[in-house]
Protein backbone atom coordinates (compact mmCIF):
# COMPACT_ATOMS: atom_id res chain seq x y z
CA ALA A 1 41.27 -12.97 -35.79
CA PRO A 2 44.96 -12.46 -34.76
CA MET A 3 43.93 -10.42 -31.73
CA VAL A 4 41.38 -13.04 -30.63
CA ALA A 5 43.97 -15.79 -31.07
CA ALA A 6 46.45 -13.82 -28.93
CA CYS A 7 43.82 -13.25 -26.24
CA LEU A 8 42.99 -16.96 -26.12
CA ASP A 9 46.69 -17.86 -25.97
CA THR A 10 47.41 -15.46 -23.10
CA GLY A 11 44.15 -15.69 -21.15
CA THR A 12 43.27 -12.06 -21.88
CA HIS A 13 39.69 -10.83 -22.08
CA TYR A 14 38.70 -9.30 -25.43
CA LEU A 15 36.36 -6.37 -26.13
CA ASP A 16 35.81 -4.44 -29.36
CA VAL A 17 33.50 -1.88 -30.95
CA THR A 18 32.93 -3.70 -34.22
CA GLY A 19 29.47 -4.30 -35.66
CA GLU A 20 30.10 -6.29 -38.85
CA ILE A 21 28.10 -9.49 -39.23
CA PRO A 22 31.02 -11.75 -40.31
CA VAL A 23 33.16 -10.62 -37.37
CA LEU A 24 30.36 -11.20 -34.87
CA GLN A 25 29.63 -14.62 -36.31
CA ALA A 26 33.31 -15.59 -36.18
CA LEU A 27 33.58 -14.51 -32.53
CA MET A 28 30.45 -16.41 -31.50
CA ASP A 29 31.96 -19.50 -33.13
CA ARG A 30 34.86 -19.25 -30.65
CA ASP A 31 32.55 -19.58 -27.64
CA ALA A 32 33.71 -23.03 -26.55
CA ALA A 33 37.41 -22.21 -27.01
CA ALA A 34 37.04 -19.01 -24.97
CA ALA A 35 35.11 -20.72 -22.18
CA GLU A 36 37.74 -23.45 -21.98
CA ARG A 37 40.41 -20.79 -21.39
CA ASP A 38 38.27 -18.68 -19.00
CA VAL A 39 38.36 -15.80 -21.48
CA LEU A 40 35.51 -13.39 -22.23
CA LEU A 41 35.02 -12.47 -25.89
CA LEU A 42 32.76 -9.41 -25.88
CA PRO A 43 32.40 -7.65 -29.23
CA ALA A 44 30.16 -4.74 -30.20
CA VAL A 45 30.34 -2.75 -26.96
CA GLY A 46 29.66 0.53 -28.80
CA PHE A 47 26.56 1.90 -30.48
CA ASP A 48 26.74 -1.28 -32.43
CA VAL A 49 25.09 -2.96 -30.56
CA VAL A 50 24.68 -1.97 -26.92
CA PRO A 51 21.43 0.06 -27.12
CA THR A 52 19.70 -2.24 -29.61
CA ASP A 53 20.88 -5.43 -27.90
CA CYS A 54 19.85 -4.30 -24.43
CA LEU A 55 16.45 -2.98 -25.53
CA ALA A 56 15.70 -6.18 -27.45
CA SER A 57 16.68 -8.25 -24.41
CA MET A 58 14.42 -6.21 -22.12
CA LEU A 59 11.46 -6.91 -24.39
CA ALA A 60 12.35 -10.59 -24.75
CA GLU A 61 12.38 -10.88 -20.96
CA GLN A 62 8.84 -9.44 -20.92
CA MET A 63 7.71 -11.88 -23.61
CA PRO A 64 9.65 -15.18 -23.47
CA SER A 65 7.30 -16.63 -26.12
CA ALA A 66 8.34 -14.07 -28.77
CA THR A 67 9.20 -15.52 -32.16
CA SER A 68 9.90 -12.31 -34.11
CA LEU A 69 11.89 -9.20 -33.31
CA GLU A 70 12.11 -5.93 -35.21
CA ILE A 71 14.67 -3.24 -34.38
CA ALA A 72 14.92 0.24 -35.90
CA PHE A 73 17.21 3.17 -35.18
CA VAL A 74 17.82 6.71 -36.37
CA GLY A 75 20.75 8.97 -35.58
CA GLU A 76 21.64 12.62 -35.87
CA GLY A 77 25.21 13.88 -35.79
CA GLY A 78 26.98 12.75 -38.94
CA VAL A 79 28.99 9.72 -40.06
CA SER A 80 32.76 9.31 -39.83
CA THR A 81 35.12 8.42 -42.68
CA GLY A 82 35.84 5.07 -41.05
CA THR A 83 32.15 4.16 -40.83
CA LEU A 84 31.61 5.12 -44.48
CA LYS A 85 34.58 3.03 -45.60
CA THR A 86 33.17 0.05 -43.72
CA ALA A 87 29.84 0.64 -45.48
CA VAL A 88 31.66 0.65 -48.82
CA GLU A 89 33.14 -2.76 -48.00
CA GLN A 90 29.64 -4.14 -47.45
CA MET A 91 28.02 -2.61 -50.54
CA GLY A 92 28.50 -5.71 -52.66
CA GLU A 93 26.98 -8.08 -50.11
CA GLY A 94 23.28 -7.19 -50.36
CA GLY A 95 20.80 -7.34 -47.50
CA ARG A 96 20.50 -9.73 -44.55
CA VAL A 97 17.77 -10.83 -42.14
CA ARG A 98 17.58 -13.57 -39.51
CA ARG A 99 15.06 -16.29 -40.28
CA ALA A 100 14.53 -19.56 -38.39
CA GLY A 101 17.70 -18.87 -36.42
CA ARG A 102 19.97 -18.28 -39.42
CA VAL A 103 21.30 -15.09 -41.03
CA VAL A 104 20.18 -15.28 -44.66
CA SER A 105 20.66 -13.08 -47.73
CA VAL A 106 17.88 -10.88 -49.08
CA PRO A 107 17.91 -8.10 -51.71
CA PRO A 108 19.05 -4.61 -50.59
CA GLY A 109 16.21 -2.60 -49.12
CA TRP A 110 14.19 -5.81 -48.88
CA THR A 111 11.39 -4.43 -46.72
CA SER A 112 10.29 -1.20 -45.08
CA ARG A 113 7.77 -0.01 -42.53
CA GLU A 114 6.74 3.04 -40.53
CA VAL A 115 7.99 3.44 -36.97
CA SER A 116 7.20 5.96 -34.25
CA PHE A 117 10.37 6.83 -32.35
CA GLY A 118 8.43 9.00 -29.91
CA ASP A 119 8.83 12.30 -31.72
CA ARG A 120 7.31 11.55 -35.14
CA PRO A 121 6.73 8.56 -37.43
CA ARG A 122 9.49 7.72 -39.89
CA THR A 123 9.78 5.30 -42.77
CA VAL A 124 12.61 2.84 -42.13
CA VAL A 125 14.20 0.29 -44.45
CA SER A 126 15.83 -3.06 -43.66
CA ILE A 127 19.63 -3.21 -43.48
CA PRO A 128 22.30 -5.86 -42.76
CA TRP A 129 23.17 -4.95 -39.16
CA GLY A 130 25.09 -6.70 -36.39
CA ASP A 131 21.97 -7.34 -34.30
CA LEU A 132 21.04 -10.09 -36.73
CA VAL A 133 23.79 -12.05 -34.97
CA THR A 134 23.80 -10.56 -31.48
CA ALA A 135 20.06 -10.18 -30.87
CA GLY A 136 19.51 -13.75 -31.98
CA ARG A 137 22.09 -14.85 -29.43
CA SER A 138 20.81 -12.54 -26.65
CA THR A 139 17.10 -13.24 -26.99
CA GLY A 140 16.87 -16.65 -28.67
CA ILE A 141 14.28 -15.14 -31.03
CA PRO A 142 14.61 -16.89 -34.41
CA ASN A 143 13.35 -14.13 -36.70
CA VAL A 144 15.02 -10.70 -36.59
CA THR A 145 14.86 -7.72 -38.95
CA VAL A 146 16.83 -4.50 -38.43
CA TYR A 147 15.87 -1.16 -40.01
CA THR A 148 17.19 2.36 -40.20
CA ALA A 149 15.81 5.67 -41.43
CA LEU A 150 17.22 6.86 -44.75
CA PRO A 151 16.46 9.90 -46.92
CA GLY A 152 13.71 9.31 -49.45
CA TRP A 153 16.09 9.31 -52.41
CA ALA A 154 18.27 6.67 -50.74
CA ARG A 155 15.29 4.43 -49.99
CA ARG A 156 14.20 4.62 -53.62
CA LEU A 157 17.70 3.95 -54.92
CA LEU A 158 18.58 1.07 -52.61
CA PRO A 159 16.57 -1.70 -54.35
CA PHE A 160 18.32 -0.98 -57.66
CA THR A 161 21.76 -1.67 -56.15
CA ARG A 162 20.96 -5.40 -56.28
CA TYR A 163 21.81 -5.26 -59.98
CA LEU A 164 25.22 -3.77 -59.21
CA GLN A 165 26.38 -5.99 -56.35
CA GLY A 166 29.08 -7.72 -58.39
CA LEU A 167 30.43 -4.40 -59.61
CA LEU A 168 30.26 -2.73 -56.19
CA GLY A 169 32.23 -5.57 -54.65
CA ALA A 170 35.04 -5.46 -57.23
CA PRO A 171 38.41 -4.51 -55.67
CA ARG A 172 39.06 -1.61 -58.06
CA VAL A 173 35.59 -0.17 -57.51
CA GLN A 174 36.00 -0.57 -53.75
CA ALA A 175 39.34 1.26 -53.85
CA LEU A 176 37.84 4.07 -55.93
CA LEU A 177 34.86 4.51 -53.61
CA LYS A 178 37.13 4.60 -50.56
CA ARG A 179 39.25 7.31 -52.16
CA VAL A 180 36.08 9.32 -52.80
CA VAL A 181 35.11 8.91 -49.13
CA GLU A 182 38.57 9.97 -47.93
CA ARG A 183 38.57 13.05 -50.14
CA TRP A 184 35.01 14.31 -49.91
CA ALA A 185 33.19 12.85 -46.89
CA PRO A 186 32.80 15.36 -44.03
CA THR A 187 33.88 14.22 -40.57
CA PRO A 188 31.54 14.94 -37.65
CA THR A 189 32.83 17.76 -35.48
CA ALA A 190 32.77 17.94 -31.71
CA ALA A 191 29.77 20.29 -32.02
CA ASP A 192 27.98 17.76 -34.25
CA ARG A 193 28.51 15.05 -31.67
CA GLU A 194 27.36 17.29 -28.85
CA ARG A 195 24.13 18.22 -30.65
CA GLY A 196 23.43 14.76 -32.04
CA LEU A 197 21.25 12.03 -30.60
CA THR A 198 20.16 8.49 -31.33
CA GLN A 199 16.75 6.88 -31.08
CA VAL A 200 16.01 3.17 -31.03
CA TRP A 201 12.70 1.32 -31.39
CA ALA A 202 12.12 -2.39 -30.94
CA SER A 203 9.13 -4.70 -31.10
CA VAL A 204 8.68 -8.37 -30.21
CA ARG A 205 5.73 -10.51 -31.21
CA ASN A 206 4.68 -14.09 -30.48
CA ASP A 207 2.68 -16.55 -32.57
CA LYS A 208 -0.55 -15.43 -30.87
CA GLY A 209 -0.05 -11.91 -32.23
CA GLU A 210 0.73 -10.45 -28.80
CA ARG A 211 3.27 -7.66 -28.91
CA ARG A 212 5.61 -5.58 -26.77
CA VAL A 213 7.26 -2.35 -27.92
CA GLY A 214 10.15 -0.37 -26.43
CA ARG A 215 12.01 2.84 -27.19
CA LEU A 216 15.41 4.20 -26.22
CA ARG A 217 16.89 7.66 -26.56
CA GLY A 218 20.57 8.41 -26.09
CA PRO A 219 23.58 10.50 -27.09
CA GLU A 220 25.01 10.76 -30.60
CA ALA A 221 26.34 7.43 -31.85
CA TYR A 222 30.09 8.07 -31.46
CA ALA A 223 29.63 9.61 -28.01
CA PHE A 224 27.38 6.64 -27.18
CA THR A 225 30.15 4.27 -28.27
CA ALA A 226 32.76 6.02 -26.13
CA ARG A 227 30.59 5.85 -23.02
CA THR A 228 29.46 2.25 -23.39
CA ALA A 229 32.92 0.96 -24.35
CA VAL A 230 34.54 2.52 -21.28
CA ALA A 231 31.74 1.32 -18.99
CA ALA A 232 31.96 -2.22 -20.38
CA ALA A 233 35.75 -2.30 -19.99
CA ALA A 234 35.46 -1.04 -16.41
CA GLN A 235 33.09 -3.88 -15.51
CA VAL A 236 35.39 -6.47 -17.05
CA VAL A 237 38.40 -5.03 -15.20
CA GLU A 238 36.52 -5.36 -11.91
CA GLY A 239 35.88 -9.02 -12.70
CA PRO A 240 34.65 -10.67 -15.90
CA PRO A 241 30.90 -11.21 -15.58
CA ALA A 242 31.09 -14.29 -17.82
CA VAL A 243 33.44 -16.32 -19.98
CA GLY A 244 33.02 -17.51 -23.54
CA ALA A 245 31.67 -15.44 -26.43
CA HIS A 246 28.94 -13.02 -25.38
CA THR A 247 26.86 -10.08 -26.50
CA PRO A 248 26.64 -6.93 -24.36
CA ALA A 249 23.28 -7.99 -22.94
CA THR A 250 24.29 -11.58 -22.09
CA ALA A 251 27.56 -10.49 -20.45
CA LEU A 252 26.56 -7.21 -18.79
CA GLY A 253 22.79 -7.54 -18.49
CA ALA A 254 19.91 -5.93 -20.37
CA SER A 255 19.89 -3.05 -17.88
CA PHE A 256 23.51 -2.13 -18.66
CA VAL A 257 22.46 0.55 -21.16
CA SER A 258 20.18 2.23 -18.62
CA GLY A 259 23.22 3.26 -16.58
CA ILE A 260 24.88 5.11 -19.47
CA GLU A 261 24.86 8.90 -19.22
CA GLY A 262 22.17 10.50 -21.37
CA VAL A 263 20.10 7.34 -21.93
CA THR A 264 16.38 7.01 -21.28
CA VAL A 265 14.44 3.80 -21.87
CA GLU A 266 10.75 2.99 -22.27
CA ALA A 267 10.58 -0.79 -22.22
CA ASP A 268 6.81 -1.18 -22.48
CA VAL A 269 5.32 1.40 -24.87
CA PRO A 270 1.56 1.07 -25.48
CA THR A 271 1.31 -0.61 -28.87
CA ALA A 272 -1.48 1.66 -30.08
CA SER A 273 1.02 4.55 -30.16
CA ALA A 274 3.95 2.50 -31.46
């Protein structure tokens, strides 16, 4: 909030690599103020949420009548200490989905399904992810669910955390869990990032039951973030493509992700194989 206020005061364009729902909502709420000052507010220009936002927007362009959107992703390459500490901060908040244009609370691990990412089917479980804000803004689709692949033990454990939300959100418990992360969590190495990859799947559906499916494959998530953040900043330096609060797809275009090194996109996968 202080950085956004300073950007609005000085007429400076703002970009970040955050992905947290409350931050994204707060930035979208500053749309009118930013537009009035000819400032671009462009959050989530990293892995959260460039690939998912752009793929969802491609599909929405193919099916303007879509009323539901599902997004799933899986990554290989490890998770940083900072990401884990952010996850700890969200542990007491439960699940989220977008329904009828609003982000609403649901129990942790509220729903699951099987998704084919192009290599093999995986079971994915719903999570509270930034696309619940950004994809709704980018596509106008009122109903959005985001999933990720988790180990079997984590999928089975997740629904039981609903009974511990108050405890998990307590400041002392949060501090303890963060100390555990700092002490024991491994940090991805350069080799991990080089070997890693990310895969994204998305599906839109309209009220007639018609459907479009897309897939995206790209570099490991932190490498992905570095490449997209630099590319987004370079475009804004050349001349802001828009003013006001935007998502990557609404500011830079749905095709922005296709120009990132290491990315391949299938924006119209036959649904029988999806």
